[in-house]
PDB file of N, CA and C in Angstrom:
ATOM      1  N   MET A   1      26.872   9.559  22.248  1.00  0.00           N
ATOM      2  CA  MET A   1      25.664  10.671  22.231  1.00  0.00           C
ATOM      3  C   MET A   1      26.337  11.258  23.952  1.00  0.00           C
ATOM      4  N   SER A   2      26.095  12.744  23.659  1.00  0.00           N
ATOM      5  CA  SER A   2      26.121  13.483  24.863  1.00  0.00           C
ATOM      6  C   SER A   2      25.192  13.663  25.999  1.00  0.00           C
ATOM      7  N   LEU A   3      25.538  14.195  27.425  1.00  0.00           N
ATOM      8  CA  LEU A   3      24.844  13.831  28.256  1.00  0.00           C
ATOM      9  C   LEU A   3      24.096  15.268  27.941  1.00  0.00           C
ATOM     10  N   ASP A   4      22.833  15.440  28.318  1.00  0.00           N
ATOM     11  CA  ASP A   4      22.107  16.551  28.679  1.00  0.00           C
ATOM     12  C   ASP A   4      21.856  16.780  29.949  1.00  0.00           C
ATOM     13  N   PRO A   5      22.511  17.753  30.596  1.00  0.00           N
ATOM     14  CA  PRO A   5      22.170  17.851  32.140  1.00  0.00           C
ATOM     15  C   PRO A   5      21.319  18.125  32.587  1.00  0.00           C
ATOM     16  N   SER A   6      20.120  18.688  31.626  1.00  0.00           N
ATOM     17  CA  SER A   6      18.514  18.903  32.272  1.00  0.00           C
ATOM     18  C   SER A   6      17.804  17.219  32.651  1.00  0.00           C
ATOM     19  N   LYS A   7      18.721  16.380  31.866  1.00  0.00           N
ATOM     20  CA  LYS A   7      18.279  15.006  32.745  1.00  0.00           C
ATOM     21  C   LYS A   7      18.658  14.387  34.222  1.00  0.00           C
ATOM     22  N   VAL A   8      19.746  15.086  34.334  1.00  0.00           N
ATOM     23  CA  VAL A   8      19.881  14.679  35.779  1.00  0.00           C
ATOM     24  C   VAL A   8      19.891  15.445  36.705  1.00  0.00           C
ATOM     25  N   ASN A   9      19.186  17.150  36.304  1.00  0.00           N
ATOM     26  CA  ASN A   9      18.876  18.019  37.457  1.00  0.00           C
ATOM     27  C   ASN A   9      18.636  17.470  38.371  1.00  0.00           C
ATOM     28  N   ALA A  10      18.651  18.933  39.508  1.00  0.00           N
ATOM     29  CA  ALA A  10      17.944  18.655  41.198  1.00  0.00           C
ATOM     30  C   ALA A  10      16.464  18.926  40.560  1.00  0.00           C
ATOM     31  N   SER A  11      16.156  17.594  41.785  1.00  0.00           N
ATOM     32  CA  SER A  11      14.531  16.860  41.715  1.00  0.00           C
ATOM     33  C   SER A  11      13.859  18.395  42.475  1.00  0.00           C
ATOM     34  N   ALA A  12      12.388  18.471  42.380  1.00  0.00           N
ATOM     35  CA  ALA A  12      11.799  19.477  42.552  1.00  0.00           C
ATOM     36  C   ALA A  12      11.663  19.949  44.334  1.00  0.00           C
ATOM     37  N   PRO A  13      11.829  21.178  44.767  1.00  0.00           N
ATOM     38  CA  PRO A  13      12.190  21.245  46.457  1.00  0.00           C
ATOM     39  C   PRO A  13      10.671  20.375  47.142  1.00  0.00           C
ATOM     40  N   ARG A  14      10.926  19.932  48.343  1.00  0.00           N
ATOM     41  CA  ARG A  14       9.997  19.684  49.365  1.00  0.00           C
ATOM     42  C   ARG A  14       9.694  20.258  49.870  1.00  0.00           C
ATOM     43  N   THR A  15       8.442  20.408  51.190  1.00  0.00           N
ATOM     44  CA  THR A  15       8.475  20.541  52.417  1.00  0.00           C
ATOM     45  C   THR A  15       8.696  19.583  53.423  1.00  0.00           C
ATOM     46  N   VAL A  16       9.113  20.019  54.488  1.00  0.00           N
ATOM     47  CA  VAL A  16       9.354  19.242  55.700  1.00  0.00           C
ATOM     48  C   VAL A  16       8.825  19.755  57.147  1.00  0.00           C
ATOM     49  N   GLU A  17       9.201  19.290  58.060  1.00  0.00           N
ATOM     50  CA  GLU A  17       9.256  20.018  59.239  1.00  0.00           C
ATOM     51  C   GLU A  17      10.652  19.497  60.187  1.00  0.00           C
ATOM     52  N   ILE A  18      10.739  20.643  60.201  1.00  0.00           N
ATOM     53  CA  ILE A  18      12.114  20.418  61.066  1.00  0.00           C
ATOM     54  C   ILE A  18      11.718  20.870  62.686  1.00  0.00           C
ATOM     55  N   PRO A  19      12.210  19.802  63.557  1.00  0.00           N
ATOM     56  CA  PRO A  19      11.446  20.364  64.865  1.00  0.00           C
ATOM     57  C   PRO A  19      12.405  21.480  65.577  1.00  0.00           C
ATOM     58  N   GLY A  20      11.905  22.485  66.016  1.00  0.00           N
ATOM     59  CA  GLY A  20      12.121  23.879  66.580  1.00  0.00           C
ATOM     60  C   GLY A  20      12.192  24.839  65.625  1.00  0.00           C
ATOM     61  N   ILE A  21      12.028  24.607  64.230  1.00  0.00           N
ATOM     62  CA  ILE A  21      11.945  25.485  63.111  1.00  0.00           C
ATOM     63  C   ILE A  21      10.374  25.488  62.619  1.00  0.00           C
ATOM     64  N   GLY A  22       9.673  24.430  62.553  1.00  0.00           N
ATOM     65  CA  GLY A  22       8.746  24.042  61.814  1.00  0.00           C
ATOM     66  C   GLY A  22       8.583  23.861  60.042  1.00  0.00           C
ATOM     67  N   GLN A  23       7.793  23.819  59.498  1.00  0.00           N
ATOM     68  CA  GLN A  23       7.952  23.988  57.811  1.00  0.00           C
ATOM     69  C   GLN A  23       8.846  24.971  57.161  1.00  0.00           C
ATOM     70  N   VAL A  24       9.839  24.117  56.409  1.00  0.00           N
ATOM     71  CA  VAL A  24      10.725  24.465  55.340  1.00  0.00           C
ATOM     72  C   VAL A  24      10.828  23.896  54.170  1.00  0.00           C
ATOM     73  N   ILE A  25      11.246  24.502  53.382  1.00  0.00           N
ATOM     74  CA  ILE A  25      11.339  24.201  52.159  1.00  0.00           C
ATOM     75  C   ILE A  25      12.638  23.555  51.766  1.00  0.00           C
ATOM     76  N   VAL A  26      13.133  22.403  51.054  1.00  0.00           N
ATOM     77  CA  VAL A  26      14.372  21.821  51.272  1.00  0.00           C
ATOM     78  C   VAL A  26      14.198  21.443  49.712  1.00  0.00           C
ATOM     79  N   ARG A  27      15.664  21.795  48.729  1.00  0.00           N
ATOM     80  CA  ARG A  27      15.935  21.142  47.717  1.00  0.00           C
ATOM     81  C   ARG A  27      17.346  20.764  47.876  1.00  0.00           C
ATOM     82  N   ARG A  28      17.374  19.681  46.300  1.00  0.00           N
ATOM     83  CA  ARG A  28      18.947  19.399  46.490  1.00  0.00           C
ATOM     84  C   ARG A  28      19.701  20.191  46.134  1.00  0.00           C
ATOM     85  N   ALA A  29      20.792  19.454  46.383  1.00  0.00           N
ATOM     86  CA  ALA A  29      22.197  20.755  46.210  1.00  0.00           C
ATOM     87  C   ALA A  29      22.346  20.505  44.691  1.00  0.00           C
ATOM     88  N   THR A  30      22.926  21.500  44.171  1.00  0.00           N
ATOM     89  CA  THR A  30      23.599  21.578  42.687  1.00  0.00           C
ATOM     90  C   THR A  30      24.890  21.268  42.989  1.00  0.00           C
ATOM     91  N   LEU A  31      25.600  21.494  41.539  1.00  0.00           N
ATOM     92  CA  LEU A  31      26.967  21.329  41.603  1.00  0.00           C
ATOM     93  C   LEU A  31      27.304  22.430  41.926  1.00  0.00           C
ATOM     94  N   ALA A  32      26.410  23.642  41.685  1.00  0.00           N
ATOM     95  CA  ALA A  32      26.929  25.099  41.766  1.00  0.00           C
ATOM     96  C   ALA A  32      26.639  25.339  43.272  1.00  0.00           C
ATOM     97  N   ASP A  33      26.058  24.515  44.137  1.00  0.00           N
ATOM     98  CA  ASP A  33      25.938  25.145  45.526  1.00  0.00           C
ATOM     99  C   ASP A  33      27.157  24.396  46.177  1.00  0.00           C
ATOM    100  N   LEU A  34      27.505  23.484  45.649  1.00  0.00           N
ATOM    101  CA  LEU A  34      28.707  23.031  46.372  1.00  0.00           C
ATOM    102  C   LEU A  34      29.976  23.855  46.156  1.00  0.00           C
ATOM    103  N   GLY A  35      30.317  24.514  44.804  1.00  0.00           N
ATOM    104  CA  GLY A  35      31.347  25.058  44.730  1.00  0.00           C
ATOM    105  C   GLY A  35      31.284  26.450  45.850  1.00  0.00           C
ATOM    106  N   PHE A  36      30.384  26.640  46.655  1.00  0.00           N
ATOM    107  CA  PHE A  36      30.388  27.471  47.863  1.00  0.00           C
ATOM    108  C   PHE A  36      30.986  27.019  48.778  1.00  0.00           C
ATOM    109  N   ALA A  37      31.412  25.742  49.006  1.00  0.00           N
ATOM    110  CA  ALA A  37      31.772  25.360  50.453  1.00  0.00           C
ATOM    111  C   ALA A  37      32.957  25.597  50.542  1.00  0.00           C
ATOM    112  N   ALA A  38      34.269  26.273  49.960  1.00  0.00           N
ATOM    113  CA  ALA A  38      35.238  26.495  49.659  1.00  0.00           C
ATOM    114  C   ALA A  38      35.549  27.549  50.619  1.00  0.00           C
ATOM    115  N   ASP A  39      34.245  28.489  50.463  1.00  0.00           N
ATOM    116  CA  ASP A  39      34.501  30.045  50.944  1.00  0.00           C
ATOM    117  C   ASP A  39      33.360  30.109  51.718  1.00  0.00           C
ATOM    118  N   MET A  40      32.240  29.167  51.887  1.00  0.00           N
ATOM    119  CA  MET A  40      31.391  29.585  53.031  1.00  0.00           C
ATOM    120  C   MET A  40      30.768  28.287  53.870  1.00  0.00           C
ATOM    121  N   GLN A  41      31.711  28.024  54.921  1.00  0.00           N
ATOM    122  CA  GLN A  41      31.543  26.929  56.101  1.00  0.00           C
ATOM    123  C   GLN A  41      30.333  26.235  55.953  1.00  0.00           C
ATOM    124  N   PHE A  42      28.643  27.240  55.665  1.00  0.00           N
ATOM    125  CA  PHE A  42      27.713  26.656  56.065  1.00  0.00           C
ATOM    126  C   PHE A  42      27.080  26.850  54.479  1.00  0.00           C
ATOM    127  N   TRP A  43      27.568  26.288  53.250  1.00  0.00           N
ATOM    128  CA  TRP A  43      26.804  26.499  52.270  1.00  0.00           C
ATOM    129  C   TRP A  43      25.636  25.824  52.221  1.00  0.00           C
ATOM    130  N   TRP A  44      25.269  24.771  52.647  1.00  0.00           N
ATOM    131  CA  TRP A  44      24.234  24.189  53.045  1.00  0.00           C
ATOM    132  C   TRP A  44      22.918  24.650  53.861  1.00  0.00           C
ATOM    133  N   VAL A  45      22.777  26.403  54.193  1.00  0.00           N
ATOM    134  CA  VAL A  45      21.867  26.753  54.566  1.00  0.00           C
ATOM    135  C   VAL A  45      21.158  27.486  53.080  1.00  0.00           C
ATOM    136  N   ARG A  46      21.785  27.480  52.218  1.00  0.00           N
ATOM    137  CA  ARG A  46      21.299  27.892  50.420  1.00  0.00           C
ATOM    138  C   ARG A  46      20.002  27.150  50.136  1.00  0.00           C
ATOM    139  N   LEU A  47      20.114  26.020  50.620  1.00  0.00           N
ATOM    140  CA  LEU A  47      18.913  25.192  50.164  1.00  0.00           C
ATOM    141  C   LEU A  47      17.702  25.058  50.738  1.00  0.00           C
ATOM    142  N   PHE A  48      17.463  25.875  51.730  1.00  0.00           N
ATOM    143  CA  PHE A  48      16.586  25.913  52.636  1.00  0.00           C
ATOM    144  C   PHE A  48      15.784  27.118  52.602  1.00  0.00           C
ATOM    145  N   SER A  49      14.399  27.189  52.536  1.00  0.00           N
ATOM    146  CA  SER A  49      13.511  28.750  52.430  1.00  0.00           C
ATOM    147  C   SER A  49      12.154  28.351  53.287  1.00  0.00           C
ATOM    148  N   LEU A  50      11.899  29.446  53.885  1.00  0.00           N
ATOM    149  CA  LEU A  50      10.526  29.369  54.325  1.00  0.00           C
ATOM    150  C   LEU A  50       9.057  29.269  53.500  1.00  0.00           C
ATOM    151  N   PRO A  51       8.209  28.754  53.881  1.00  0.00           N
ATOM    152  CA  PRO A  51       7.055  28.503  52.645  1.00  0.00           C
ATOM    153  C   PRO A  51       6.685  29.599  51.686  1.00  0.00           C
ATOM    154  N   ASP A  52       7.152  30.730  52.586  1.00  0.00           N
ATOM    155  CA  ASP A  52       6.458  31.834  51.702  1.00  0.00           C
ATOM    156  C   ASP A  52       7.797  32.322  50.622  1.00  0.00           C
ATOM    157  N   GLY A  53       8.599  31.750  50.578  1.00  0.00           N
ATOM    158  CA  GLY A  53       9.552  31.975  49.570  1.00  0.00           C
ATOM    159  C   GLY A  53      10.728  32.654  50.279  1.00  0.00           C
ATOM    160  N   SER A  54      11.151  33.221  51.287  1.00  0.00           N
ATOM    161  CA  SER A  54      11.804  33.639  51.956  1.00  0.00           C
ATOM    162  C   SER A  54      13.057  32.863  52.329  1.00  0.00           C
ATOM    163  N   PRO A  55      14.206  33.244  52.144  1.00  0.00           N
ATOM    164  CA  PRO A  55      15.606  32.620  53.084  1.00  0.00           C
ATOM    165  C   PRO A  55      15.692  31.821  54.605  1.00  0.00           C
ATOM    166  N   LEU A  56      15.483  30.734  54.834  1.00  0.00           N
ATOM    167  CA  LEU A  56      15.400  30.468  55.835  1.00  0.00           C
ATOM    168  C   LEU A  56      16.414  31.025  57.235  1.00  0.00           C
ATOM    169  N   PHE A  57      17.522  31.816  56.388  1.00  0.00           N
ATOM    170  CA  PHE A  57      18.504  32.412  57.612  1.00  0.00           C
ATOM    171  C   PHE A  57      18.443  33.585  56.762  1.00  0.00           C
ATOM    172  N   ALA A  58      18.545  34.893  57.445  1.00  0.00           N
ATOM    173  CA  ALA A  58      18.873  36.023  56.933  1.00  0.00           C
ATOM    174  C   ALA A  58      20.392  36.193  56.865  1.00  0.00           C
ATOM    175  N   PRO A  59      20.716  36.927  55.572  1.00  0.00           N
ATOM    176  CA  PRO A  59      21.678  37.286  55.078  1.00  0.00           C
ATOM    177  C   PRO A  59      22.693  37.677  56.366  1.00  0.00           C
ATOM    178  N   GLY A  60      23.941  36.955  57.064  1.00  0.00           N
ATOM    179  CA  GLY A  60      24.697  37.625  57.673  1.00  0.00           C
ATOM    180  C   GLY A  60      24.293  36.918  59.410  1.00  0.00           C
ATOM    181  N   SER A  61      23.539  36.110  58.990  1.00  0.00           N
ATOM    182  CA  SER A  61      23.478  35.421  60.369  1.00  0.00           C
ATOM    183  C   SER A  61      24.347  34.065  60.777  1.00  0.00           C
ATOM    184  N   ASP A  62      24.174  34.459  62.153  1.00  0.00           N
ATOM    185  CA  ASP A  62      25.594  33.588  62.772  1.00  0.00           C
ATOM    186  C   ASP A  62      24.574  32.144  62.657  1.00  0.00           C
ATOM    187  N   VAL A  63      24.888  31.268  61.242  1.00  0.00           N
ATOM    188  CA  VAL A  63      24.324  30.154  61.511  1.00  0.00           C
ATOM    189  C   VAL A  63      25.098  28.932  62.326  1.00  0.00           C
ATOM    190  N   GLY A  64      26.676  29.356  62.932  1.00  0.00           N
ATOM    191  CA  GLY A  64      27.259  28.538  63.830  1.00  0.00           C
ATOM    192  C   GLY A  64      26.977  28.439  65.106  1.00  0.00           C
ATOM    193  N   ALA A  65      25.801  29.579  65.282  1.00  0.00           N
ATOM    194  CA  ALA A  65      25.237  29.768  66.699  1.00  0.00           C
ATOM    195  C   ALA A  65      23.836  28.455  66.933  1.00  0.00           C
ATOM    196  N   LEU A  66      23.570  27.647  65.889  1.00  0.00           N
ATOM    197  CA  LEU A  66      22.502  26.959  65.485  1.00  0.00           C
ATOM    198  C   LEU A  66      22.654  25.960  66.758  1.00  0.00           C
ATOM    199  N   ASP A  67      21.355  25.652  67.439  1.00  0.00           N
ATOM    200  CA  ASP A  67      21.421  24.774  68.403  1.00  0.00           C
ATOM    201  C   ASP A  67      21.851  23.038  67.550  1.00  0.00           C
ATOM    202  N   HIS A  68      22.944  22.395  68.069  1.00  0.00           N
ATOM    203  CA  HIS A  68      23.262  21.348  67.186  1.00  0.00           C
ATOM    204  C   HIS A  68      21.845  20.273  66.788  1.00  0.00           C
ATOM    205  N   GLU A  69      21.096  20.142  67.567  1.00  0.00           N
ATOM    206  CA  GLU A  69      19.735  19.253  67.256  1.00  0.00           C
ATOM    207  C   GLU A  69      19.310  19.752  65.939  1.00  0.00           C
ATOM    208  N   VAL A  70      18.834  20.878  65.901  1.00  0.00           N
ATOM    209  CA  VAL A  70      18.392  21.660  64.785  1.00  0.00           C
ATOM    210  C   VAL A  70      19.428  21.401  63.348  1.00  0.00           C
ATOM    211  N   ALA A  71      20.783  21.947  63.609  1.00  0.00           N
ATOM    212  CA  ALA A  71      21.734  21.728  62.632  1.00  0.00           C
ATOM    213  C   ALA A  71      21.381  20.683  61.876  1.00  0.00           C
ATOM    214  N   SER A  72      21.486  19.372  63.101  1.00  0.00           N
ATOM    215  CA  SER A  72      21.465  17.872  62.477  1.00  0.00           C
ATOM    216  C   SER A  72      19.877  17.492  61.573  1.00  0.00           C
ATOM    217  N   ALA A  73      19.245  18.345  61.804  1.00  0.00           N
ATOM    218  CA  ALA A  73      18.031  17.813  61.518  1.00  0.00           C
ATOM    219  C   ALA A  73      17.766  18.296  59.662  1.00  0.00           C
ATOM    220  N   LEU A  74      18.799  19.801  60.165  1.00  0.00           N
ATOM    221  CA  LEU A  74      18.813  20.599  58.464  1.00  0.00           C
ATOM    222  C   LEU A  74      19.650  19.510  57.688  1.00  0.00           C
ATOM    223  N   LEU A  75      20.658  19.003  58.531  1.00  0.00           N
ATOM    224  CA  LEU A  75      21.838  18.618  57.213  1.00  0.00           C
ATOM    225  C   LEU A  75      21.154  17.204  57.137  1.00  0.00           C
ATOM    226  N   GLU A  76      20.178  16.442  57.801  1.00  0.00           N
ATOM    227  CA  GLU A  76      20.005  15.077  57.798  1.00  0.00           C
ATOM    228  C   GLU A  76      18.827  15.111  56.428  1.00  0.00           C
ATOM    229  N   GLU A  77      18.475  16.285  56.298  1.00  0.00           N
ATOM    230  CA  GLU A  77      17.035  16.238  55.390  1.00  0.00           C
ATOM    231  C   GLU A  77      18.249  16.848  53.899  1.00  0.00           C
ATOM    232  N   VAL A  78      19.189  17.462  53.604  1.00  0.00           N
ATOM    233  CA  VAL A  78      20.078  17.593  52.532  1.00  0.00           C
ATOM    234  C   VAL A  78      20.893  16.449  52.607  1.00  0.00           C
ATOM    235  N   ASN A  79      20.915  15.637  53.203  1.00  0.00           N
ATOM    236  CA  ASN A  79      21.814  14.091  52.869  1.00  0.00           C
ATOM    237  C   ASN A  79      21.143  13.429  52.757  1.00  0.00           C
ATOM    238  N   ARG A  80      19.615  13.523  52.706  1.00  0.00           N
ATOM    239  CA  ARG A  80      18.493  12.655  52.459  1.00  0.00           C
ATOM    240  C   ARG A  80      18.598  11.880  51.204  1.00  0.00           C
ATOM    241  N   PRO A  81      19.145  10.666  51.017  1.00  0.00           N
ATOM    242  CA  PRO A  81      18.699  10.163  49.875  1.00  0.00           C
ATOM    243  C   PRO A  81      17.406  10.245  48.970  1.00  0.00           C
ATOM    244  N   ARG A  82      17.487  10.937  47.665  1.00  0.00           N
ATOM    245  CA  ARG A  82      16.106  10.954  46.777  1.00  0.00           C
ATOM    246  C   ARG A  82      16.179  10.543  45.770  1.00  0.00           C
ATOM    247  N   PHE A  83      15.815   9.151  45.619  1.00  0.00           N
ATOM    248  CA  PHE A  83      16.110   8.504  44.473  1.00  0.00           C
ATOM    249  C   PHE A  83      15.267   9.364  43.130  1.00  0.00           C
ATOM    250  N   THR A  84      16.046   9.379  41.706  1.00  0.00           N
ATOM    251  CA  THR A  84      15.484   9.811  40.583  1.00  0.00           C
ATOM    252  C   THR A  84      15.378   8.933  40.003  1.00  0.00           C
ATOM    253  N   GLN A  85      14.731   9.454  38.811  1.00  0.00           N
ATOM    254  CA  GLN A  85      13.566   8.400  38.069  1.00  0.00           C
ATOM    255  C   GLN A  85      14.451   8.199  37.117  1.00  0.00           C
ATOM    256  N   PRO A  86      14.670   6.948  36.425  1.00  0.00           N
ATOM    257  CA  PRO A  86      15.563   6.309  35.465  1.00  0.00           C
ATOM    258  C   PRO A  86      15.582   7.342  34.038  1.00  0.00           C
ATOM    259  N   VAL A  87      15.980   7.113  32.982  1.00  0.00           N
ATOM    260  CA  VAL A  87      15.914   7.672  32.102  1.00  0.00           C
ATOM    261  C   VAL A  87      15.108   6.679  30.807  1.00  0.00           C
ATOM    262  N   ASN A  88      14.391   7.271  30.136  1.00  0.00           N
ATOM    263  CA  ASN A  88      13.207   6.492  29.226  1.00  0.00           C
ATOM    264  C   ASN A  88      13.724   5.188  28.942  1.00  0.00           C
ATOM    265  N   ALA A  89      14.890   4.901  28.452  1.00  0.00           N
ATOM    266  CA  ALA A  89      15.386   3.858  28.131  1.00  0.00           C
ATOM    267  C   ALA A  89      15.797   3.326  28.842  1.00  0.00           C
ATOM    268  N   GLY A  90      15.905   3.309  29.975  1.00  0.00           N
ATOM    269  CA  GLY A  90      16.151   2.318  31.168  1.00  0.00           C
ATOM    270  C   GLY A  90      17.848   2.446  31.692  1.00  0.00           C
ATOM    271  N   SER A  91      18.039   1.825  32.394  1.00  0.00           N
ATOM    272  CA  SER A  91      19.491   2.168  32.886  1.00  0.00           C
ATOM    273  C   SER A  91      20.465   1.230  31.880  1.00  0.00           C
ATOM    274  N   GLY A  92      19.757   0.059  31.394  1.00  0.00           N
ATOM    275  CA  GLY A  92      20.586  -0.775  31.029  1.00  0.00           C
ATOM    276  C   GLY A  92      21.072   0.484  29.350  1.00  0.00           C
ATOM    277  N   GLU A  93      20.498   0.515  29.054  1.00  0.00           N
ATOM    278  CA  GLU A  93      20.828   1.225  27.516  1.00  0.00           C
ATOM    279  C   GLU A  93      21.779   2.591  27.434  1.00  0.00           C
ATOM    280  N   SER A  94      22.852   2.334  26.857  1.00  0.00           N
ATOM    281  CA  SER A  94      23.991   3.028  26.554  1.00  0.00           C
ATOM    282  C   SER A  94      23.695   4.381  25.469  1.00  0.00           C
ATOM    283  N   GLY A  95      23.069   3.966  24.485  1.00  0.00           N
ATOM    284  CA  GLY A  95      22.894   5.092  23.554  1.00  0.00           C
ATOM    285  C   GLY A  95      23.900   4.648  22.524  1.00  0.00           C
ATOM    286  N   VAL A  96      24.733   3.890  22.702  1.00  0.00           N
ATOM    287  CA  VAL A  96      25.471   3.131  21.337  1.00  0.00           C
ATOM    288  C   VAL A  96      24.917   2.095  20.324  1.00  0.00           C
ATOM    289  N   PRO A  97      25.259   2.646  19.299  1.00  0.00           N
ATOM    290  CA  PRO A  97      23.979   1.570  18.139  1.00  0.00           C
ATOM    291  C   PRO A  97      24.835   0.800  18.185  1.00  0.00           C
ATOM    292  N   LYS A  98      23.866  -0.506  18.206  1.00  0.00           N
ATOM    293  CA  LYS A  98      24.429  -2.059  18.142  1.00  0.00           C
ATOM    294  C   LYS A  98      24.732  -2.501  16.883  1.00  0.00           C
TER     295      LYS A  98
END
């Protein structure tokens, strides 16, 4: 039985409060996002937007100049564990006929 990627896709974005910035929307990273890591040092800024839907950082912004505490708070949200729902059959089911 093949895996349907839609069953393990990134969960819905959530709103968080970041000290020094305010409310931002953060979404889980996808494999496509991680693909930017080799070419874009601060690839994780793509995961954030403002409540109005605009990007948190304007294109060309010097993200490297962020205060370390603000950057740490953002990265903490990127790395925060967010548990997904188990598949309907339960975690012990393999899909292999018995």
